[in-house]
Amino acid sequence: MRDLNKTDIENVSRELVITFQKILSWKWDSYFDTLLAEFDVGDKDNIRVLLERFFGRTWDGSNIGKAPDLVQMINSHLGGLRPGQLLFTSDPSQDAIIFGAWWPWGNGKTVSIRIAPYYRKLSDSEKAEQVKRFKDGLGI
């Protein structure tokens, strides 16, 4: 996957939302600054296949410990992977990536997905501006 710049991340994010618009309802998760959608566990295989089209890497409990620093930072920001959770990322060697956090619920009936860009080299104020652009660009 090529180096993603800010415009690329906005375009990929828009493509993700468009791909899932008839399948998922997106809302904003202000706790993690991510798009959030929840869906029935019966749809998980179809949704995972679609997600894997957008993300080049999938991390889980067996390989997250060997993940690059940027992926470790995202994982830490999200509170770490628990059993059954996945972290999808674009190429983690880049300074700007997009990630998707896959979280099955304890009830066994629901899965949530959180999607957002992550920037390695931005200040907190620059990150806040990018979050605003991300939300505005998606009409959230």
N, C-alpha and C. Protein backbone atom coordinates (compact mmCIF):
# COMPACT_ATOMS: atom_id res chain seq x y z
N MET A 1 0.85 -1.17 0.00
CA MET A 1 0.00 0.00 0.00
C MET A 1 0.90 1.24 0.00
N ARG A 2 0.53 2.23 -0.73
CA ARG A 2 1.36 3.43 -0.84
C ARG A 2 1.24 4.31 0.41
N ASP A 3 2.12 5.28 0.49
CA ASP A 3 2.09 6.22 1.60
C ASP A 3 0.79 7.01 1.52
N LEU A 4 0.06 7.02 2.61
CA LEU A 4 -1.20 7.77 2.65
C LEU A 4 -0.94 9.18 3.15
N ASN A 5 -1.40 10.15 2.42
CA ASN A 5 -1.34 11.52 2.95
C ASN A 5 -2.73 11.88 3.46
N LYS A 6 -2.88 13.09 3.94
CA LYS A 6 -4.15 13.49 4.56
C LYS A 6 -5.33 13.37 3.59
N THR A 7 -5.13 13.76 2.35
CA THR A 7 -6.20 13.66 1.37
C THR A 7 -6.54 12.20 1.09
N ASP A 8 -5.52 11.35 0.97
CA ASP A 8 -5.75 9.92 0.76
C ASP A 8 -6.58 9.33 1.90
N ILE A 9 -6.26 9.69 3.13
CA ILE A 9 -6.98 9.17 4.28
C ILE A 9 -8.43 9.61 4.22
N GLU A 10 -8.68 10.85 3.87
CA GLU A 10 -10.05 11.33 3.74
C GLU A 10 -10.78 10.55 2.65
N ASN A 11 -10.11 10.30 1.53
CA ASN A 11 -10.74 9.56 0.42
C ASN A 11 -11.02 8.11 0.81
N VAL A 12 -10.05 7.44 1.43
CA VAL A 12 -10.24 6.06 1.86
C VAL A 12 -11.37 5.99 2.89
N SER A 13 -11.39 6.93 3.82
CA SER A 13 -12.44 6.95 4.83
C SER A 13 -13.81 7.12 4.19
N ARG A 14 -13.89 8.02 3.22
CA ARG A 14 -15.14 8.25 2.51
C ARG A 14 -15.57 6.98 1.77
N GLU A 15 -14.61 6.30 1.13
CA GLU A 15 -14.92 5.05 0.42
C GLU A 15 -15.43 3.98 1.39
N LEU A 16 -14.82 3.90 2.57
CA LEU A 16 -15.29 2.95 3.59
C LEU A 16 -16.73 3.23 3.98
N VAL A 17 -17.02 4.48 4.26
CA VAL A 17 -18.37 4.86 4.68
C VAL A 17 -19.37 4.58 3.56
N ILE A 18 -19.01 4.91 2.32
CA ILE A 18 -19.90 4.65 1.19
C ILE A 18 -20.12 3.15 1.01
N THR A 19 -19.06 2.36 1.11
CA THR A 19 -19.18 0.91 0.97
C THR A 19 -20.15 0.33 1.99
N PHE A 20 -20.10 0.85 3.20
CA PHE A 20 -20.91 0.31 4.28
C PHE A 20 -22.22 1.05 4.52
N GLN A 21 -22.53 2.08 3.73
CA GLN A 21 -23.68 2.93 4.05
C GLN A 21 -25.00 2.18 4.07
N LYS A 22 -25.16 1.13 3.29
CA LYS A 22 -26.41 0.38 3.31
C LYS A 22 -26.37 -0.78 4.30
N ILE A 23 -25.21 -1.00 4.89
CA ILE A 23 -25.02 -2.11 5.81
C ILE A 23 -24.92 -1.63 7.26
N LEU A 24 -24.22 -0.51 7.46
CA LEU A 24 -23.95 -0.01 8.80
C LEU A 24 -24.43 1.42 8.96
N SER A 25 -24.75 1.78 10.19
CA SER A 25 -25.08 3.17 10.53
C SER A 25 -23.92 3.71 11.36
N TRP A 26 -23.30 4.77 10.85
CA TRP A 26 -22.14 5.34 11.51
C TRP A 26 -22.55 6.46 12.46
N LYS A 27 -21.83 6.57 13.55
CA LYS A 27 -21.96 7.70 14.47
C LYS A 27 -20.56 8.03 14.96
N TRP A 28 -20.43 9.13 15.67
CA TRP A 28 -19.13 9.56 16.15
C TRP A 28 -18.93 9.10 17.59
N ASP A 29 -17.79 8.48 17.84
CA ASP A 29 -17.39 8.07 19.18
C ASP A 29 -16.37 9.10 19.69
N SER A 30 -16.84 10.04 20.50
CA SER A 30 -15.95 11.11 20.96
C SER A 30 -14.93 10.63 21.98
N TYR A 31 -15.16 9.48 22.60
CA TYR A 31 -14.17 8.96 23.57
C TYR A 31 -12.87 8.57 22.85
N PHE A 32 -12.98 7.90 21.71
CA PHE A 32 -11.80 7.48 20.95
C PHE A 32 -11.56 8.31 19.70
N ASP A 33 -12.42 9.30 19.43
CA ASP A 33 -12.32 10.11 18.20
C ASP A 33 -12.31 9.22 16.96
N THR A 34 -13.33 8.36 16.86
CA THR A 34 -13.44 7.45 15.74
C THR A 34 -14.88 7.40 15.23
N LEU A 35 -15.02 6.96 13.99
CA LEU A 35 -16.34 6.56 13.51
C LEU A 35 -16.68 5.27 14.21
N LEU A 36 -17.94 5.07 14.51
CA LEU A 36 -18.37 3.87 15.22
C LEU A 36 -19.61 3.31 14.57
N ALA A 37 -19.61 2.00 14.34
CA ALA A 37 -20.80 1.29 13.87
C ALA A 37 -20.90 -0.01 14.65
N GLU A 38 -22.12 -0.40 14.93
CA GLU A 38 -22.39 -1.65 15.63
C GLU A 38 -23.24 -2.51 14.71
N PHE A 39 -23.00 -3.82 14.73
CA PHE A 39 -23.75 -4.71 13.86
C PHE A 39 -23.93 -6.07 14.51
N ASP A 40 -24.88 -6.82 13.98
CA ASP A 40 -25.20 -8.14 14.48
C ASP A 40 -24.07 -9.11 14.13
N VAL A 41 -23.74 -9.99 15.07
CA VAL A 41 -22.65 -10.94 14.88
C VAL A 41 -22.88 -11.82 13.65
N GLY A 42 -24.12 -12.01 13.24
CA GLY A 42 -24.42 -12.79 12.05
C GLY A 42 -23.88 -12.18 10.77
N ASP A 43 -23.56 -10.89 10.79
CA ASP A 43 -23.02 -10.19 9.62
C ASP A 43 -21.50 -10.09 9.63
N LYS A 44 -20.86 -10.66 10.65
CA LYS A 44 -19.43 -10.43 10.85
C LYS A 44 -18.55 -10.92 9.70
N ASP A 45 -18.88 -12.07 9.11
CA ASP A 45 -18.03 -12.58 8.03
C ASP A 45 -18.05 -11.66 6.82
N ASN A 46 -19.24 -11.22 6.42
CA ASN A 46 -19.35 -10.32 5.27
C ASN A 46 -18.67 -8.98 5.54
N ILE A 47 -18.83 -8.45 6.72
CA ILE A 47 -18.23 -7.16 7.04
C ILE A 47 -16.71 -7.28 7.13
N ARG A 48 -16.23 -8.37 7.70
CA ARG A 48 -14.78 -8.55 7.78
C ARG A 48 -14.16 -8.64 6.39
N VAL A 49 -14.79 -9.35 5.47
CA VAL A 49 -14.27 -9.43 4.10
C VAL A 49 -14.16 -8.04 3.49
N LEU A 50 -15.18 -7.22 3.68
CA LEU A 50 -15.14 -5.86 3.14
C LEU A 50 -14.03 -5.03 3.80
N LEU A 51 -13.89 -5.17 5.10
CA LEU A 51 -12.83 -4.43 5.80
C LEU A 51 -11.44 -4.82 5.31
N GLU A 52 -11.25 -6.11 5.09
CA GLU A 52 -9.93 -6.58 4.65
C GLU A 52 -9.56 -6.06 3.27
N ARG A 53 -10.55 -5.62 2.50
CA ARG A 53 -10.26 -5.00 1.20
C ARG A 53 -9.61 -3.64 1.37
N PHE A 54 -9.91 -2.95 2.46
CA PHE A 54 -9.41 -1.60 2.69
C PHE A 54 -8.11 -1.57 3.49
N PHE A 55 -7.88 -2.57 4.31
CA PHE A 55 -6.73 -2.56 5.21
C PHE A 55 -5.74 -3.65 4.82
N GLY A 56 -4.46 -3.30 4.82
CA GLY A 56 -3.43 -4.25 4.42
C GLY A 56 -2.96 -5.18 5.52
N ARG A 57 -3.23 -4.84 6.78
CA ARG A 57 -2.73 -5.63 7.90
C ARG A 57 -3.85 -5.90 8.89
N THR A 58 -3.80 -7.09 9.49
CA THR A 58 -4.73 -7.44 10.56
C THR A 58 -3.91 -7.91 11.75
N TRP A 59 -4.18 -7.31 12.90
CA TRP A 59 -3.46 -7.63 14.13
C TRP A 59 -4.43 -8.24 15.12
N ASP A 60 -3.93 -9.23 15.88
CA ASP A 60 -4.73 -9.84 16.94
C ASP A 60 -3.81 -10.17 18.11
N GLY A 61 -4.32 -10.87 19.08
CA GLY A 61 -3.53 -11.18 20.27
C GLY A 61 -2.27 -11.96 19.98
N SER A 62 -2.24 -12.70 18.88
CA SER A 62 -1.07 -13.53 18.57
C SER A 62 0.07 -12.77 17.91
N ASN A 63 -0.22 -11.62 17.27
CA ASN A 63 0.84 -10.91 16.57
C ASN A 63 1.01 -9.44 16.97
N ILE A 64 0.14 -8.94 17.83
CA ILE A 64 0.22 -7.51 18.18
C ILE A 64 1.52 -7.17 18.89
N GLY A 65 2.07 -8.11 19.62
CA GLY A 65 3.33 -7.87 20.32
C GLY A 65 4.50 -7.64 19.39
N LYS A 66 4.40 -8.08 18.15
CA LYS A 66 5.45 -7.90 17.15
C LYS A 66 5.14 -6.76 16.19
N ALA A 67 4.06 -6.06 16.44
CA ALA A 67 3.64 -4.97 15.56
C ALA A 67 4.61 -3.79 15.66
N PRO A 68 4.71 -3.00 14.59
CA PRO A 68 5.55 -1.79 14.62
C PRO A 68 5.06 -0.80 15.68
N ASP A 69 5.93 0.13 16.04
CA ASP A 69 5.64 1.11 17.10
C ASP A 69 4.33 1.86 16.87
N LEU A 70 4.07 2.27 15.63
CA LEU A 70 2.85 3.04 15.37
C LEU A 70 1.61 2.22 15.70
N VAL A 71 1.61 0.95 15.34
CA VAL A 71 0.48 0.07 15.65
C VAL A 71 0.38 -0.13 17.16
N GLN A 72 1.51 -0.24 17.83
CA GLN A 72 1.51 -0.36 19.29
C GLN A 72 0.91 0.89 19.93
N MET A 73 1.21 2.06 19.37
CA MET A 73 0.65 3.31 19.88
C MET A 73 -0.88 3.32 19.74
N ILE A 74 -1.37 2.90 18.58
CA ILE A 74 -2.82 2.84 18.35
C ILE A 74 -3.45 1.85 19.31
N ASN A 75 -2.84 0.67 19.43
CA ASN A 75 -3.35 -0.36 20.33
C ASN A 75 -3.43 0.15 21.76
N SER A 76 -2.40 0.85 22.20
CA SER A 76 -2.38 1.42 23.55
C SER A 76 -3.47 2.48 23.70
N HIS A 77 -3.61 3.34 22.70
CA HIS A 77 -4.65 4.38 22.72
C HIS A 77 -6.04 3.76 22.89
N LEU A 78 -6.24 2.59 22.30
CA LEU A 78 -7.54 1.91 22.36
C LEU A 78 -7.70 1.00 23.58
N GLY A 79 -6.66 0.92 24.40
CA GLY A 79 -6.76 0.11 25.62
C GLY A 79 -6.26 -1.31 25.48
N GLY A 80 -5.63 -1.65 24.36
CA GLY A 80 -5.08 -2.98 24.15
C GLY A 80 -6.12 -3.95 23.62
N LEU A 81 -5.64 -4.95 22.90
CA LEU A 81 -6.52 -5.96 22.32
C LEU A 81 -6.90 -7.01 23.36
N ARG A 82 -8.17 -7.29 23.43
CA ARG A 82 -8.68 -8.38 24.27
C ARG A 82 -8.97 -9.57 23.37
N PRO A 83 -9.19 -10.75 23.94
CA PRO A 83 -9.49 -11.92 23.11
C PRO A 83 -10.67 -11.65 22.16
N GLY A 84 -10.49 -12.02 20.90
CA GLY A 84 -11.51 -11.84 19.88
C GLY A 84 -11.47 -10.50 19.18
N GLN A 85 -10.72 -9.54 19.73
CA GLN A 85 -10.63 -8.23 19.09
C GLN A 85 -9.55 -8.24 18.01
N LEU A 86 -9.75 -7.40 17.01
CA LEU A 86 -8.80 -7.26 15.91
C LEU A 86 -8.50 -5.78 15.71
N LEU A 87 -7.34 -5.53 15.16
CA LEU A 87 -6.96 -4.18 14.76
C LEU A 87 -6.51 -4.25 13.31
N PHE A 88 -7.23 -3.57 12.44
CA PHE A 88 -6.88 -3.49 11.02
C PHE A 88 -6.12 -2.19 10.81
N THR A 89 -5.06 -2.22 9.99
CA THR A 89 -4.34 -0.98 9.68
C THR A 89 -3.91 -0.98 8.22
N SER A 90 -3.74 0.23 7.72
CA SER A 90 -3.04 0.38 6.45
C SER A 90 -1.55 0.19 6.77
N ASP A 91 -0.69 0.47 5.84
CA ASP A 91 0.75 0.22 6.01
C ASP A 91 1.31 1.00 7.19
N PRO A 92 1.73 0.32 8.26
CA PRO A 92 2.19 1.02 9.46
C PRO A 92 3.57 1.65 9.35
N SER A 93 4.23 1.51 8.21
CA SER A 93 5.53 2.15 8.05
C SER A 93 5.37 3.61 7.61
N GLN A 94 4.15 4.03 7.36
CA GLN A 94 3.89 5.39 6.90
C GLN A 94 3.62 6.32 8.09
N ASP A 95 3.68 7.61 7.85
CA ASP A 95 3.43 8.59 8.91
C ASP A 95 1.94 8.84 9.14
N ALA A 96 1.13 8.55 8.16
CA ALA A 96 -0.32 8.71 8.28
C ALA A 96 -0.96 7.40 7.85
N ILE A 97 -1.75 6.82 8.75
CA ILE A 97 -2.41 5.55 8.41
C ILE A 97 -3.88 5.63 8.82
N ILE A 98 -4.62 4.64 8.43
CA ILE A 98 -6.00 4.52 8.86
C ILE A 98 -6.13 3.17 9.56
N PHE A 99 -6.93 3.13 10.61
CA PHE A 99 -7.10 1.88 11.34
C PHE A 99 -8.57 1.58 11.56
N GLY A 100 -8.84 0.33 11.84
CA GLY A 100 -10.17 -0.13 12.19
C GLY A 100 -10.06 -1.07 13.38
N ALA A 101 -10.78 -0.80 14.43
CA ALA A 101 -10.78 -1.65 15.64
C ALA A 101 -12.06 -2.47 15.65
N TRP A 102 -11.92 -3.77 15.70
CA TRP A 102 -13.02 -4.75 15.66
C TRP A 102 -13.22 -5.27 17.06
N TRP A 103 -14.36 -4.98 17.66
CA TRP A 103 -14.60 -5.36 19.04
C TRP A 103 -15.91 -6.13 19.20
N PRO A 104 -15.83 -7.46 19.34
CA PRO A 104 -17.03 -8.23 19.67
C PRO A 104 -17.50 -7.89 21.09
N TRP A 105 -18.78 -7.82 21.28
CA TRP A 105 -19.33 -7.51 22.60
C TRP A 105 -19.41 -8.79 23.44
N GLY A 106 -19.45 -8.62 24.72
CA GLY A 106 -19.56 -9.74 25.65
C GLY A 106 -20.87 -10.51 25.54
N ASN A 107 -21.89 -9.89 24.95
CA ASN A 107 -23.18 -10.57 24.83
C ASN A 107 -23.20 -11.61 23.70
N GLY A 108 -22.13 -11.65 22.89
CA GLY A 108 -22.06 -12.61 21.80
C GLY A 108 -22.98 -12.32 20.63
N LYS A 109 -23.67 -11.19 20.66
CA LYS A 109 -24.65 -10.86 19.63
C LYS A 109 -24.26 -9.67 18.76
N THR A 110 -23.32 -8.87 19.23
CA THR A 110 -23.01 -7.60 18.58
C THR A 110 -21.50 -7.45 18.43
N VAL A 111 -21.09 -6.80 17.34
CA VAL A 111 -19.70 -6.42 17.11
C VAL A 111 -19.70 -4.93 16.80
N SER A 112 -18.69 -4.22 17.27
CA SER A 112 -18.55 -2.82 16.88
C SER A 112 -17.24 -2.66 16.11
N ILE A 113 -17.26 -1.69 15.21
CA ILE A 113 -16.06 -1.34 14.45
C ILE A 113 -15.84 0.16 14.61
N ARG A 114 -14.61 0.52 14.90
CA ARG A 114 -14.23 1.93 15.02
C ARG A 114 -13.17 2.21 13.97
N ILE A 115 -13.33 3.29 13.23
CA ILE A 115 -12.41 3.62 12.15
C ILE A 115 -11.95 5.07 12.29
N ALA A 116 -10.65 5.27 12.10
CA ALA A 116 -10.11 6.63 12.19
C ALA A 116 -8.72 6.69 11.57
N PRO A 117 -8.28 7.88 11.21
CA PRO A 117 -6.89 8.06 10.79
C PRO A 117 -6.00 8.18 12.03
N TYR A 118 -4.73 7.96 11.84
CA TYR A 118 -3.76 8.13 12.92
C TYR A 118 -2.50 8.72 12.30
N TYR A 119 -2.00 9.77 12.91
CA TYR A 119 -0.86 10.50 12.37
C TYR A 119 0.30 10.43 13.35
N ARG A 120 1.44 9.99 12.86
CA ARG A 120 2.61 9.80 13.70
C ARG A 120 3.24 11.12 14.14
N LYS A 121 3.32 12.10 13.26
CA LYS A 121 4.16 13.26 13.51
C LYS A 121 3.41 14.58 13.68
N LEU A 122 2.20 14.54 14.19
CA LEU A 122 1.46 15.78 14.37
C LEU A 122 1.40 16.15 15.84
N SER A 123 1.36 17.45 16.10
CA SER A 123 1.16 17.93 17.46
C SER A 123 -0.29 17.66 17.86
N ASP A 124 -0.61 17.81 19.13
CA ASP A 124 -1.98 17.60 19.59
C ASP A 124 -2.96 18.53 18.89
N SER A 125 -2.56 19.79 18.68
CA SER A 125 -3.47 20.73 18.01
C SER A 125 -3.65 20.35 16.54
N GLU A 126 -2.59 19.89 15.89
CA GLU A 126 -2.70 19.44 14.50
C GLU A 126 -3.58 18.19 14.40
N LYS A 127 -3.43 17.28 15.37
CA LYS A 127 -4.28 16.08 15.39
C LYS A 127 -5.74 16.47 15.56
N ALA A 128 -6.01 17.42 16.44
CA ALA A 128 -7.38 17.87 16.66
C ALA A 128 -7.95 18.46 15.37
N GLU A 129 -7.15 19.21 14.64
CA GLU A 129 -7.59 19.79 13.37
C GLU A 129 -7.89 18.68 12.36
N GLN A 130 -7.05 17.65 12.32
CA GLN A 130 -7.28 16.53 11.40
C GLN A 130 -8.54 15.75 11.76
N VAL A 131 -8.81 15.58 13.04
CA VAL A 131 -10.04 14.91 13.48
C VAL A 131 -11.24 15.72 12.99
N LYS A 132 -11.16 17.04 13.14
CA LYS A 132 -12.25 17.90 12.67
C LYS A 132 -12.44 17.76 11.16
N ARG A 133 -11.34 17.78 10.41
CA ARG A 133 -11.42 17.62 8.95
C ARG A 133 -12.00 16.26 8.57
N PHE A 134 -11.59 15.23 9.30
CA PHE A 134 -12.09 13.88 9.08
C PHE A 134 -13.60 13.83 9.26
N LYS A 135 -14.07 14.37 10.37
CA LYS A 135 -15.52 14.41 10.64
C LYS A 135 -16.25 15.24 9.60
N ASP A 136 -15.75 16.43 9.34
CA ASP A 136 -16.39 17.32 8.37
C ASP A 136 -16.45 16.69 6.98
N GLY A 137 -15.35 16.04 6.59
CA GLY A 137 -15.27 15.43 5.28
C GLY A 137 -16.28 14.30 5.10
N LEU A 138 -16.66 13.67 6.21
CA LEU A 138 -17.63 12.57 6.16
C LEU A 138 -19.04 13.02 6.49
N GLY A 139 -19.17 14.31 6.82
CA GLY A 139 -20.50 14.83 7.16
C GLY A 139 -21.03 14.33 8.50
N ILE A 140 -20.13 14.07 9.41
CA ILE A 140 -20.52 13.56 10.75
C ILE A 140 -20.57 14.71 11.73
